[in-house]
Protein backbone atom coordinates (compact mmCIF):
# COMPACT_ATOMS: atom_id res chain seq x y z
CA MET A 1 -0.20 25.82 8.00
CA ASN A 2 -0.22 24.30 4.52
CA LYS A 3 -1.34 20.73 4.30
CA GLU A 4 0.44 18.71 1.64
CA ILE A 5 -1.92 17.38 -0.99
CA VAL A 6 -1.12 13.89 -2.23
CA SER A 7 -2.05 12.48 -5.59
CA VAL A 8 -4.05 9.26 -5.67
CA ALA A 9 -4.73 6.94 -8.57
CA GLY A 10 -7.58 4.46 -8.63
CA TYR A 11 -6.82 1.18 -10.39
CA VAL A 12 -9.33 -1.40 -11.59
CA LYS A 13 -8.82 -4.58 -13.60
CA LEU A 14 -12.05 -6.05 -14.92
CA ALA A 15 -12.61 -9.28 -16.80
CA LYS A 16 -13.01 -9.21 -20.57
CA LEU A 17 -16.76 -9.88 -20.23
CA TRP A 18 -17.14 -6.25 -19.05
CA GLU A 19 -16.12 -5.09 -22.54
CA LYS A 20 -19.75 -5.05 -23.69
CA ASN A 21 -20.59 -2.71 -20.78
CA ARG A 22 -17.33 -0.74 -20.95
CA ASP A 23 -18.92 2.73 -20.79
CA LYS A 24 -20.99 1.89 -17.71
CA ALA A 25 -18.04 0.23 -15.98
CA VAL A 26 -15.74 3.17 -16.68
CA GLU A 27 -18.36 5.68 -15.55
CA TYR A 28 -19.06 3.71 -12.37
CA HIS A 29 -15.41 3.40 -11.33
CA HIS A 30 -14.60 7.04 -12.08
CA LYS A 31 -17.56 8.07 -9.91
CA TYR A 32 -16.57 5.54 -7.22
CA TYR A 33 -13.07 6.99 -6.78
CA LYS A 34 -14.23 10.58 -7.16
CA ASP A 35 -16.79 10.04 -4.38
CA LYS A 36 -14.33 8.08 -2.25
CA TYR A 37 -11.91 11.01 -2.04
CA ALA A 38 -14.38 13.90 -2.38
CA ASP A 39 -14.35 14.80 1.33
CA ASP A 40 -10.59 14.48 1.82
CA ASP A 41 -8.97 17.84 1.15
CA SER A 42 -5.48 16.33 1.54
CA VAL A 43 -5.98 14.06 -1.48
CA GLU A 44 -6.35 14.86 -5.15
CA LEU A 45 -7.66 12.15 -7.47
CA TYR A 46 -5.14 12.19 -10.31
CA ASP A 47 -6.85 9.63 -12.51
CA VAL A 48 -8.63 6.28 -12.59
CA TYR A 49 -6.93 3.55 -14.59
CA ILE A 50 -9.25 0.81 -15.80
CA ASP A 51 -8.13 -2.27 -17.67
CA ILE A 52 -10.90 -4.38 -19.17
CA THR A 53 -9.04 -7.37 -20.46
CA GLY A 54 -8.49 -11.07 -20.17
CA GLN A 55 -4.76 -10.40 -19.78
CA LYS A 56 -3.40 -11.31 -16.38
CA ASN A 57 0.18 -10.25 -17.09
CA ILE A 58 0.89 -6.66 -16.08
CA ARG A 59 2.91 -5.84 -19.20
CA LYS A 60 -0.14 -6.65 -21.33
CA ARG A 61 -2.48 -4.31 -19.46
CA PRO A 62 -2.27 -0.84 -21.04
CA GLU A 63 -3.80 1.07 -18.15
CA MET A 64 -1.51 -0.61 -15.61
CA ILE A 65 1.44 0.34 -17.78
CA ARG A 66 0.17 3.93 -17.93
CA LEU A 67 -0.20 3.89 -14.14
CA LEU A 68 3.34 2.58 -13.67
CA LYS A 69 4.65 5.24 -16.04
CA ASP A 70 2.86 7.95 -14.06
CA CYS A 71 4.26 6.51 -10.82
CA THR A 72 7.75 6.48 -12.33
CA GLU A 73 7.34 10.12 -13.37
CA GLY A 74 6.36 11.09 -9.81
CA LYS A 75 2.76 11.99 -10.66
CA ILE A 76 1.23 9.47 -8.22
CA ASP A 77 1.70 9.17 -4.46
CA ILE A 78 -0.93 6.53 -3.68
CA ILE A 79 -2.37 3.61 -5.64
CA SER A 80 -5.87 2.83 -4.42
CA THR A 81 -7.64 -0.33 -5.53
CA GLN A 82 -10.59 -2.32 -4.30
CA THR A 83 -8.63 -5.56 -4.10
CA ARG A 84 -5.02 -6.68 -4.25
CA ALA A 85 -6.07 -9.10 -6.99
CA TYR A 86 -6.53 -6.15 -9.35
CA LEU A 87 -2.83 -5.33 -9.05
CA ALA A 88 -1.40 -8.73 -9.96
CA ALA A 89 -2.84 -12.10 -10.84
CA ASN A 90 -0.29 -14.12 -8.88
CA ASN A 91 2.13 -13.76 -6.00
CA ALA A 92 5.21 -13.75 -8.22
CA GLU A 93 4.08 -10.77 -10.27
CA PHE A 94 2.78 -9.07 -7.12
CA CYS A 95 6.27 -9.28 -5.61
CA LEU A 96 7.88 -7.96 -8.80
CA LEU A 97 5.41 -5.07 -8.90
CA LEU A 98 5.95 -4.19 -5.24
CA HIS A 99 9.71 -4.32 -5.60
CA TYR A 100 9.49 -1.96 -8.56
CA LEU A 101 7.12 0.50 -6.88
CA PHE A 102 8.89 0.54 -3.52
CA ASN A 103 12.24 1.21 -5.18
CA LEU A 104 11.18 4.23 -7.18
CA SER A 105 12.79 7.52 -6.16
CA HIS A 106 9.29 8.86 -5.42
CA ARG A 107 7.54 7.09 -2.52
CA ILE A 108 4.43 5.17 -3.55
CA GLU A 109 1.81 4.01 -1.05
CA ILE A 110 -0.69 1.23 -1.71
CA VAL A 111 -4.19 0.98 -0.26
CA THR A 112 -6.63 -1.85 -0.94
CA GLU A 113 -10.13 -2.45 0.35
CA ASP A 114 -9.95 -6.22 0.66
CA GLU A 115 -12.28 -7.41 3.42
CA TYR A 116 -9.52 -9.53 4.90
CA LEU A 117 -5.81 -8.83 4.69
CA ASN A 118 -6.19 -5.41 3.13
CA ILE A 119 -3.09 -3.37 2.38
CA ASN A 120 -2.59 0.13 3.71
CA THR A 121 1.03 1.22 3.62
CA ILE A 122 0.04 4.73 4.72
CA LYS A 123 -1.25 3.63 8.13
CA ASN A 124 1.45 0.95 8.08
CA GLU A 125 -0.16 -0.96 10.92
CA GLU A 126 2.05 -3.80 12.10
CA ASN A 127 4.86 -2.47 9.87
CA GLN A 128 2.99 -3.70 6.82
CA ARG A 129 5.05 -1.60 4.39
CA ASP A 130 8.32 -3.00 5.74
CA ALA A 131 6.97 -6.55 5.55
CA LEU A 132 5.88 -6.06 1.93
CA ILE A 133 9.24 -4.53 1.03
CA LYS A 134 11.04 -7.49 2.60
CA MET A 135 8.77 -10.04 0.91
CA ALA A 136 9.29 -8.43 -2.50
CA SER A 137 13.02 -8.03 -1.98
CA ASP A 138 13.40 -11.64 -0.85
CA TYR A 139 11.52 -12.83 -3.92
CA VAL A 140 13.71 -10.77 -6.25
CA LYS A 141 16.87 -12.11 -4.55
CA VAL A 142 15.72 -15.66 -5.31
CA PHE A 143 14.59 -14.84 -8.88
CA PRO A 144 16.79 -11.93 -10.07
CA LYS A 145 16.55 -12.90 -13.75
CA ASP A 146 12.75 -12.87 -13.55
CA TYR A 147 12.91 -9.33 -12.18
CA GLU A 148 15.37 -8.20 -14.87
CA LYS A 149 13.07 -9.59 -17.58
CA TRP A 150 10.00 -8.06 -15.91
CA ILE A 151 11.70 -4.64 -15.75
CA LYS A 152 12.71 -4.86 -19.41
CA ASP A 153 9.18 -5.83 -20.45
CA ILE A 154 7.63 -3.04 -18.36
CA THR A 155 10.14 -0.46 -19.56
CA ASP A 156 9.53 -1.45 -23.19
CA ALA A 157 5.77 -1.24 -22.64
CA MET A 158 6.09 2.21 -21.01
CA GLU A 159 8.03 3.50 -24.01
CA THR A 160 5.05 2.74 -26.27
CA CYS A 161 2.47 3.86 -23.70
CA LYS A 162 0.04 6.62 -24.66
CA ASP A 163 -0.17 9.46 -22.16
């Protein structure tokens, strides 16, 4: 019996102060995700995306844009991150991001390691995925123009994204 191998991406957003230790931070996080998935033969680590920036807005984070582009192209099945806060700086952008990811033609799962209120849409305990989809959808229904602008900004950023 063949076991399907899924592709996971690690994502990290570090504060600008890490710029002076960029090489160490990048090395550490690559090793962290490599070790995290080393013993799981059903998972392949596709890449680790690390933004070291003071930018909170997703469209201004090059590695997040590259990650979203890879998700859009069907290269990623799971986004793994140590904390939800790495994904988005505020609830509004978090909802926009989730709505985008959960409406791609290719299913994307999200796993965080937050001590409290972690996300794991794979296990989907307590229908977490459905609740996140509803939350994001409800937000977009209330602020459709914000989502349209967000999509345009993200799409424009992906067009200039380096592979």
